[in-house]
Amino acid sequence: MRPPKLLGLPIMYAMVWLFGSVLLFVWVQHIAVLGFAALLYPVLWKAADWDPRFIDVMMTALQETPPTRNRSIHGGDSYAP
C-alpha cells in the first residue's frame, strides 16, 4: 500500500522538502534557496519512487534503536555482553 501524497511526494518527503526549504530560506534570506529547493524536488521524487517509506523507516530506526555506549570500542553497535 502506497502512502498518501502531497505535491506528488509522500507526505513525509513533502514535509522534509517544504519545511527544510522554508527554514533555509528564512535563515539565509536569499532567493537562490528557492532555486535549490526546485532542484531538490526531482531528487526527492526519484528517492520516493525508489522507496516511499524510507524516511519513516529511518525515523523509527533512529528513535527505537539508540546507539550503545560501547560504539566507539567496536566500531559499531554491539548488543552482546
PDB file of N, CA and C in Angstrom:
ATOM      1  N   MET A   1       0.841  -1.172   0.000  1.00  0.00           N
ATOM      2  CA  MET A   1       0.000   0.000   0.000  1.00  0.00           C
ATOM      3  C   MET A   1       0.891   1.241   0.000  1.00  0.00           C
ATOM      4  N   ARG A   2       0.637   2.140  -0.914  1.00  0.00           N
ATOM      5  CA  ARG A   2       1.439   3.347  -1.044  1.00  0.00           C
ATOM      6  C   ARG A   2       0.925   4.434  -0.104  1.00  0.00           C
ATOM      7  N   PRO A   3       1.829   5.228   0.439  1.00  0.00           N
ATOM      8  CA  PRO A   3       1.412   6.291   1.360  1.00  0.00           C
ATOM      9  C   PRO A   3       0.710   7.431   0.618  1.00  0.00           C
ATOM     10  N   PRO A   4      -0.073   8.235   1.336  1.00  0.00           N
ATOM     11  CA  PRO A   4      -0.717   9.389   0.700  1.00  0.00           C
ATOM     12  C   PRO A   4       0.328  10.399   0.231  1.00  0.00           C
ATOM     13  N   LYS A   5      -0.033  11.166  -0.805  1.00  0.00           N
ATOM     14  CA  LYS A   5       0.935  12.078  -1.409  1.00  0.00           C
ATOM     15  C   LYS A   5       0.488  13.526  -1.310  1.00  0.00           C
ATOM     16  N   LEU A   6       1.473  14.397  -1.302  1.00  0.00           N
ATOM     17  CA  LEU A   6       1.274  15.839  -1.331  1.00  0.00           C
ATOM     18  C   LEU A   6       2.255  16.396  -2.355  1.00  0.00           C
ATOM     19  N   LEU A   7       1.761  17.075  -3.369  1.00  0.00           N
ATOM     20  CA  LEU A   7       2.589  17.609  -4.453  1.00  0.00           C
ATOM     21  C   LEU A   7       3.379  16.510  -5.162  1.00  0.00           C
ATOM     22  N   GLY A   8       2.823  15.322  -5.237  1.00  0.00           N
ATOM     23  CA  GLY A   8       3.471  14.214  -5.919  1.00  0.00           C
ATOM     24  C   GLY A   8       4.484  13.455  -5.085  1.00  0.00           C
ATOM     25  N   LEU A   9       4.716  13.893  -3.858  1.00  0.00           N
ATOM     26  CA  LEU A   9       5.656  13.226  -2.957  1.00  0.00           C
ATOM     27  C   LEU A   9       4.891  12.619  -1.796  1.00  0.00           C
ATOM     28  N   PRO A  10       5.376  11.510  -1.238  1.00  0.00           N
ATOM     29  CA  PRO A  10       4.763  11.020   0.001  1.00  0.00           C
ATOM     30  C   PRO A  10       4.815  12.115   1.069  1.00  0.00           C
ATOM     31  N   ILE A  11       3.873  12.077   1.983  1.00  0.00           N
ATOM     32  CA  ILE A  11       3.712  13.141   2.976  1.00  0.00           C
ATOM     33  C   ILE A  11       5.027  13.454   3.697  1.00  0.00           C
ATOM     34  N   MET A  12       5.760  12.433   4.106  1.00  0.00           N
ATOM     35  CA  MET A  12       6.985  12.675   4.864  1.00  0.00           C
ATOM     36  C   MET A  12       8.054  13.349   3.998  1.00  0.00           C
ATOM     37  N   TYR A  13       8.194  12.919   2.749  1.00  0.00           N
ATOM     38  CA  TYR A  13       9.142  13.565   1.844  1.00  0.00           C
ATOM     39  C   TYR A  13       8.735  15.018   1.609  1.00  0.00           C
ATOM     40  N   ALA A  14       7.432  15.258   1.408  1.00  0.00           N
ATOM     41  CA  ALA A  14       6.948  16.618   1.167  1.00  0.00           C
ATOM     42  C   ALA A  14       7.196  17.507   2.382  1.00  0.00           C
ATOM     43  N   MET A  15       6.988  16.964   3.574  1.00  0.00           N
ATOM     44  CA  MET A  15       7.230  17.757   4.785  1.00  0.00           C
ATOM     45  C   MET A  15       8.707  18.123   4.909  1.00  0.00           C
ATOM     46  N   VAL A  16       9.579  17.162   4.671  1.00  0.00           N
ATOM     47  CA  VAL A  16      11.020  17.433   4.747  1.00  0.00           C
ATOM     48  C   VAL A  16      11.405  18.484   3.713  1.00  0.00           C
ATOM     49  N   TRP A  17      10.885  18.345   2.486  1.00  0.00           N
ATOM     50  CA  TRP A  17      11.213  19.276   1.408  1.00  0.00           C
ATOM     51  C   TRP A  17      10.673  20.675   1.693  1.00  0.00           C
ATOM     52  N   LEU A  18       9.404  20.767   2.067  1.00  0.00           N
ATOM     53  CA  LEU A  18       8.787  22.074   2.301  1.00  0.00           C
ATOM     54  C   LEU A  18       9.360  22.771   3.533  1.00  0.00           C
ATOM     55  N   PHE A  19       9.376  22.081   4.664  1.00  0.00           N
ATOM     56  CA  PHE A  19       9.879  22.705   5.887  1.00  0.00           C
ATOM     57  C   PHE A  19      11.369  23.012   5.785  1.00  0.00           C
ATOM     58  N   GLY A  20      12.118  22.090   5.196  1.00  0.00           N
ATOM     59  CA  GLY A  20      13.554  22.324   5.052  1.00  0.00           C
ATOM     60  C   GLY A  20      13.856  23.523   4.176  1.00  0.00           C
ATOM     61  N   SER A  21      13.174  23.640   3.044  1.00  0.00           N
ATOM     62  CA  SER A  21      13.441  24.765   2.152  1.00  0.00           C
ATOM     63  C   SER A  21      12.946  26.083   2.747  1.00  0.00           C
ATOM     64  N   VAL A  22      11.800  26.070   3.418  1.00  0.00           N
ATOM     65  CA  VAL A  22      11.299  27.307   4.030  1.00  0.00           C
ATOM     66  C   VAL A  22      12.209  27.749   5.175  1.00  0.00           C
ATOM     67  N   LEU A  23      12.619  26.819   6.022  1.00  0.00           N
ATOM     68  CA  LEU A  23      13.513  27.189   7.120  1.00  0.00           C
ATOM     69  C   LEU A  23      14.853  27.701   6.604  1.00  0.00           C
ATOM     70  N   LEU A  24      15.385  27.055   5.567  1.00  0.00           N
ATOM     71  CA  LEU A  24      16.639  27.519   4.980  1.00  0.00           C
ATOM     72  C   LEU A  24      16.460  28.901   4.357  1.00  0.00           C
ATOM     73  N   PHE A  25      15.317  29.128   3.694  1.00  0.00           N
ATOM     74  CA  PHE A  25      15.048  30.439   3.104  1.00  0.00           C
ATOM     75  C   PHE A  25      14.948  31.522   4.176  1.00  0.00           C
ATOM     76  N   VAL A  26      14.276  31.225   5.276  1.00  0.00           N
ATOM     77  CA  VAL A  26      14.150  32.199   6.362  1.00  0.00           C
ATOM     78  C   VAL A  26      15.514  32.474   6.997  1.00  0.00           C
ATOM     79  N   TRP A  27      16.327  31.436   7.120  1.00  0.00           N
ATOM     80  CA  TRP A  27      17.635  31.593   7.744  1.00  0.00           C
ATOM     81  C   TRP A  27      18.587  32.388   6.843  1.00  0.00           C
ATOM     82  N   VAL A  28      18.668  32.009   5.558  1.00  0.00           N
ATOM     83  CA  VAL A  28      19.621  32.623   4.637  1.00  0.00           C
ATOM     84  C   VAL A  28      19.064  33.916   4.029  1.00  0.00           C
ATOM     85  N   GLN A  29      17.780  33.978   3.788  1.00  0.00           N
ATOM     86  CA  GLN A  29      17.095  35.113   3.168  1.00  0.00           C
ATOM     87  C   GLN A  29      17.702  35.466   1.817  1.00  0.00           C
ATOM     88  N   HIS A  30      17.800  34.436   0.978  1.00  0.00           N
ATOM     89  CA  HIS A  30      18.314  34.630  -0.378  1.00  0.00           C
ATOM     90  C   HIS A  30      17.434  33.848  -1.339  1.00  0.00           C
ATOM     91  N   ILE A  31      17.173  34.440  -2.495  1.00  0.00           N
ATOM     92  CA  ILE A  31      16.265  33.841  -3.471  1.00  0.00           C
ATOM     93  C   ILE A  31      16.840  32.549  -4.067  1.00  0.00           C
ATOM     94  N   ALA A  32      18.154  32.349  -3.984  1.00  0.00           N
ATOM     95  CA  ALA A  32      18.785  31.142  -4.526  1.00  0.00           C
ATOM     96  C   ALA A  32      18.303  29.884  -3.808  1.00  0.00           C
ATOM     97  N   VAL A  33      17.810  30.027  -2.596  1.00  0.00           N
ATOM     98  CA  VAL A  33      17.292  28.876  -1.850  1.00  0.00           C
ATOM     99  C   VAL A  33      16.084  28.285  -2.568  1.00  0.00           C
ATOM    100  N   LEU A  34      15.266  29.138  -3.175  1.00  0.00           N
ATOM    101  CA  LEU A  34      14.107  28.638  -3.921  1.00  0.00           C
ATOM    102  C   LEU A  34      14.553  27.831  -5.140  1.00  0.00           C
ATOM    103  N   GLY A  35      15.619  28.270  -5.791  1.00  0.00           N
ATOM    104  CA  GLY A  35      16.173  27.500  -6.905  1.00  0.00           C
ATOM    105  C   GLY A  35      16.729  26.164  -6.442  1.00  0.00           C
ATOM    106  N   PHE A  36      17.388  26.181  -5.292  1.00  0.00           N
ATOM    107  CA  PHE A  36      17.906  24.938  -4.717  1.00  0.00           C
ATOM    108  C   PHE A  36      16.770  23.982  -4.381  1.00  0.00           C
ATOM    109  N   ALA A  37      15.682  24.521  -3.823  1.00  0.00           N
ATOM    110  CA  ALA A  37      14.521  23.689  -3.493  1.00  0.00           C
ATOM    111  C   ALA A  37      13.899  23.112  -4.760  1.00  0.00           C
ATOM    112  N   ALA A  38      13.865  23.900  -5.824  1.00  0.00           N
ATOM    113  CA  ALA A  38      13.317  23.411  -7.093  1.00  0.00           C
ATOM    114  C   ALA A  38      14.187  22.293  -7.666  1.00  0.00           C
ATOM    115  N   LEU A  39      15.500  22.398  -7.501  1.00  0.00           N
ATOM    116  CA  LEU A  39      16.398  21.337  -7.967  1.00  0.00           C
ATOM    117  C   LEU A  39      16.311  20.095  -7.090  1.00  0.00           C
ATOM    118  N   LEU A  40      15.992  20.280  -5.828  1.00  0.00           N
ATOM    119  CA  LEU A  40      15.911  19.163  -4.900  1.00  0.00           C
ATOM    120  C   LEU A  40      14.640  18.333  -5.092  1.00  0.00           C
ATOM    121  N   TYR A  41      13.576  18.950  -5.635  1.00  0.00           N
ATOM    122  CA  TYR A  41      12.305  18.247  -5.809  1.00  0.00           C
ATOM    123  C   TYR A  41      12.444  16.975  -6.656  1.00  0.00           C
ATOM    124  N   PRO A  42      13.068  17.021  -7.850  1.00  0.00           N
ATOM    125  CA  PRO A  42      13.186  15.777  -8.631  1.00  0.00           C
ATOM    126  C   PRO A  42      14.019  14.702  -7.933  1.00  0.00           C
ATOM    127  N   VAL A  43      15.001  15.124  -7.155  1.00  0.00           N
ATOM    128  CA  VAL A  43      15.823  14.157  -6.417  1.00  0.00           C
ATOM    129  C   VAL A  43      14.965  13.434  -5.386  1.00  0.00           C
ATOM    130  N   LEU A  44      14.166  14.192  -4.641  1.00  0.00           N
ATOM    131  CA  LEU A  44      13.280  13.575  -3.656  1.00  0.00           C
ATOM    132  C   LEU A  44      12.200  12.737  -4.328  1.00  0.00           C
ATOM    133  N   TRP A  45      11.723  13.177  -5.481  1.00  0.00           N
ATOM    134  CA  TRP A  45      10.707  12.409  -6.202  1.00  0.00           C
ATOM    135  C   TRP A  45      11.274  11.059  -6.630  1.00  0.00           C
ATOM    136  N   LYS A  46      12.512  11.059  -7.120  1.00  0.00           N
ATOM    137  CA  LYS A  46      13.155   9.806  -7.532  1.00  0.00           C
ATOM    138  C   LYS A  46      13.411   8.916  -6.316  1.00  0.00           C
ATOM    139  N   ALA A  47      13.831   9.502  -5.192  1.00  0.00           N
ATOM    140  CA  ALA A  47      14.043   8.725  -3.969  1.00  0.00           C
ATOM    141  C   ALA A  47      12.728   8.132  -3.477  1.00  0.00           C
ATOM    142  N   ALA A  48      11.644   8.887  -3.573  1.00  0.00           N
ATOM    143  CA  ALA A  48      10.334   8.384  -3.158  1.00  0.00           C
ATOM    144  C   ALA A  48       9.851   7.291  -4.096  1.00  0.00           C
ATOM    145  N   ASP A  49      10.213   7.389  -5.363  1.00  0.00           N
ATOM    146  CA  ASP A  49       9.858   6.335  -6.315  1.00  0.00           C
ATOM    147  C   ASP A  49      10.605   5.054  -5.982  1.00  0.00           C
ATOM    148  N   TRP A  50      11.844   5.181  -5.509  1.00  0.00           N
ATOM    149  CA  TRP A  50      12.652   4.019  -5.131  1.00  0.00           C
ATOM    150  C   TRP A  50      12.098   3.369  -3.873  1.00  0.00           C
ATOM    151  N   ASP A  51      11.827   4.163  -2.820  1.00  0.00           N
ATOM    152  CA  ASP A  51      11.276   3.636  -1.569  1.00  0.00           C
ATOM    153  C   ASP A  51      10.451   4.725  -0.890  1.00  0.00           C
ATOM    154  N   PRO A  52       9.123   4.657  -1.004  1.00  0.00           N
ATOM    155  CA  PRO A  52       8.284   5.728  -0.467  1.00  0.00           C
ATOM    156  C   PRO A  52       8.276   5.822   1.056  1.00  0.00           C
ATOM    157  N   ARG A  53       8.706   4.799   1.755  1.00  0.00           N
ATOM    158  CA  ARG A  53       8.667   4.827   3.220  1.00  0.00           C
ATOM    159  C   ARG A  53      10.059   4.886   3.850  1.00  0.00           C
ATOM    160  N   PHE A  54      11.063   5.293   3.089  1.00  0.00           N
ATOM    161  CA  PHE A  54      12.437   5.319   3.589  1.00  0.00           C
ATOM    162  C   PHE A  54      12.584   6.254   4.792  1.00  0.00           C
ATOM    163  N   ILE A  55      12.034   7.449   4.708  1.00  0.00           N
ATOM    164  CA  ILE A  55      12.162   8.405   5.814  1.00  0.00           C
ATOM    165  C   ILE A  55      11.438   7.890   7.049  1.00  0.00           C
ATOM    166  N   ASP A  56      10.269   7.263   6.877  1.00  0.00           N
ATOM    167  CA  ASP A  56       9.544   6.691   8.018  1.00  0.00           C
ATOM    168  C   ASP A  56      10.370   5.603   8.699  1.00  0.00           C
ATOM    169  N   VAL A  57      10.989   4.748   7.895  1.00  0.00           N
ATOM    170  CA  VAL A  57      11.802   3.660   8.446  1.00  0.00           C
ATOM    171  C   VAL A  57      13.012   4.222   9.185  1.00  0.00           C
ATOM    172  N   MET A  58      13.673   5.221   8.609  1.00  0.00           N
ATOM    173  CA  MET A  58      14.843   5.806   9.262  1.00  0.00           C
ATOM    174  C   MET A  58      14.461   6.505  10.568  1.00  0.00           C
ATOM    175  N   MET A  59      13.332   7.198  10.580  1.00  0.00           N
ATOM    176  CA  MET A  59      12.896   7.856  11.817  1.00  0.00           C
ATOM    177  C   MET A  59      12.611   6.829  12.906  1.00  0.00           C
ATOM    178  N   THR A  60      11.952   5.737  12.557  1.00  0.00           N
ATOM    179  CA  THR A  60      11.656   4.692  13.535  1.00  0.00           C
ATOM    180  C   THR A  60      12.938   4.034  14.025  1.00  0.00           C
ATOM    181  N   ALA A  61      13.845   3.743  13.105  1.00  0.00           N
ATOM    182  CA  ALA A  61      15.099   3.094  13.493  1.00  0.00           C
ATOM    183  C   ALA A  61      15.926   3.987  14.414  1.00  0.00           C
ATOM    184  N   LEU A  62      15.959   5.266  14.142  1.00  0.00           N
ATOM    185  CA  LEU A  62      16.748   6.174  14.977  1.00  0.00           C
ATOM    186  C   LEU A  62      16.098   6.422  16.331  1.00  0.00           C
ATOM    187  N   GLN A  63      14.777   6.345  16.403  1.00  0.00           N
ATOM    188  CA  GLN A  63      14.091   6.566  17.673  1.00  0.00           C
ATOM    189  C   GLN A  63      14.082   5.316  18.538  1.00  0.00           C
ATOM    190  N   GLU A  64      13.923   4.162  17.941  1.00  0.00           N
ATOM    191  CA  GLU A  64      13.743   2.921  18.687  1.00  0.00           C
ATOM    192  C   GLU A  64      15.049   2.207  19.005  1.00  0.00           C
ATOM    193  N   THR A  65      16.096   2.449  18.248  1.00  0.00           N
ATOM    194  CA  THR A  65      17.364   1.755  18.466  1.00  0.00           C
ATOM    195  C   THR A  65      18.477   2.779  18.696  1.00  0.00           C
ATOM    196  N   PRO A  66      18.606   3.285  19.910  1.00  0.00           N
ATOM    197  CA  PRO A  66      19.655   4.267  20.182  1.00  0.00           C
ATOM    198  C   PRO A  66      21.039   3.610  20.120  1.00  0.00           C
ATOM    199  N   PRO A  67      22.083   4.385  19.860  1.00  0.00           N
ATOM    200  CA  PRO A  67      23.428   3.817  19.837  1.00  0.00           C
ATOM    201  C   PRO A  67      23.850   3.337  21.227  1.00  0.00           C
ATOM    202  N   THR A  68      24.667   2.303  21.253  1.00  0.00           N
ATOM    203  CA  THR A  68      25.136   1.746  22.522  1.00  0.00           C
ATOM    204  C   THR A  68      26.329   2.540  23.044  1.00  0.00           C
ATOM    205  N   ARG A  69      26.648   2.340  24.321  1.00  0.00           N
ATOM    206  CA  ARG A  69      27.769   3.060  24.934  1.00  0.00           C
ATOM    207  C   ARG A  69      29.118   2.572  24.417  1.00  0.00           C
ATOM    208  N   ASN A  70      29.187   1.314  23.979  1.00  0.00           N
ATOM    209  CA  ASN A  70      30.469   0.772  23.527  1.00  0.00           C
ATOM    210  C   ASN A  70      30.642   0.899  22.013  1.00  0.00           C
ATOM    211  N   ARG A  71      29.968   1.839  21.400  1.00  0.00           N
ATOM    212  CA  ARG A  71      30.039   2.017  19.958  1.00  0.00           C
ATOM    213  C   ARG A  71      31.454   2.377  19.498  1.00  0.00           C
ATOM    214  N   SER A  72      32.144   3.213  20.244  1.00  0.00           N
ATOM    215  CA  SER A  72      33.487   3.634  19.834  1.00  0.00           C
ATOM    216  C   SER A  72      34.507   2.505  19.966  1.00  0.00           C
ATOM    217  N   ILE A  73      34.261   1.557  20.845  1.00  0.00           N
ATOM    218  CA  ILE A  73      35.204   0.449  21.052  1.00  0.00           C
ATOM    219  C   ILE A  73      35.141  -0.536  19.895  1.00  0.00           C
ATOM    220  N   HIS A  74      33.939  -0.920  19.502  1.00  0.00           N
ATOM    221  CA  HIS A  74      33.763  -1.950  18.482  1.00  0.00           C
ATOM    222  C   HIS A  74      33.612  -1.388  17.075  1.00  0.00           C
ATOM    223  N   GLY A  75      33.538  -0.093  16.924  1.00  0.00           N
ATOM    224  CA  GLY A  75      33.352   0.492  15.606  1.00  0.00           C
ATOM    225  C   GLY A  75      31.918   0.365  15.118  1.00  0.00           C
ATOM    226  N   GLY A  76      31.020   0.041  15.985  1.00  0.00           N
ATOM    227  CA  GLY A  76      29.603  -0.113  15.656  1.00  0.00           C
ATOM    228  C   GLY A  76      28.851  -0.513  16.901  1.00  0.00           C
ATOM    229  N   ASP A  77      27.568  -0.753  16.755  1.00  0.00           N
ATOM    230  CA  ASP A  77      26.755  -1.138  17.904  1.00  0.00           C
ATOM    231  C   ASP A  77      26.915  -2.628  18.184  1.00  0.00           C
ATOM    232  N   SER A  78      27.233  -2.955  19.426  1.00  0.00           N
ATOM    233  CA  SER A  78      27.372  -4.342  19.848  1.00  0.00           C
ATOM    234  C   SER A  78      26.426  -4.572  21.015  1.00  0.00           C
ATOM    235  N   TYR A  79      25.441  -5.423  20.804  1.00  0.00           N
ATOM    236  CA  TYR A  79      24.445  -5.671  21.840  1.00  0.00           C
ATOM    237  C   TYR A  79      24.746  -6.928  22.654  1.00  0.00           C
ATOM    238  N   ALA A  80      25.798  -7.654  22.291  1.00  0.00           N
ATOM    239  CA  ALA A  80      26.165  -8.867  23.027  1.00  0.00           C
ATOM    240  C   ALA A  80      26.908  -8.480  24.303  1.00  0.00           C
ATOM    241  N   PRO A  81      26.812  -9.305  25.349  1.00  0.00           N
ATOM    242  CA  PRO A  81      27.515  -8.984  26.604  1.00  0.00           C
ATOM    243  C   PRO A  81      29.024  -9.089  26.480  1.00  0.00           C
TER     244      PRO A  81
END
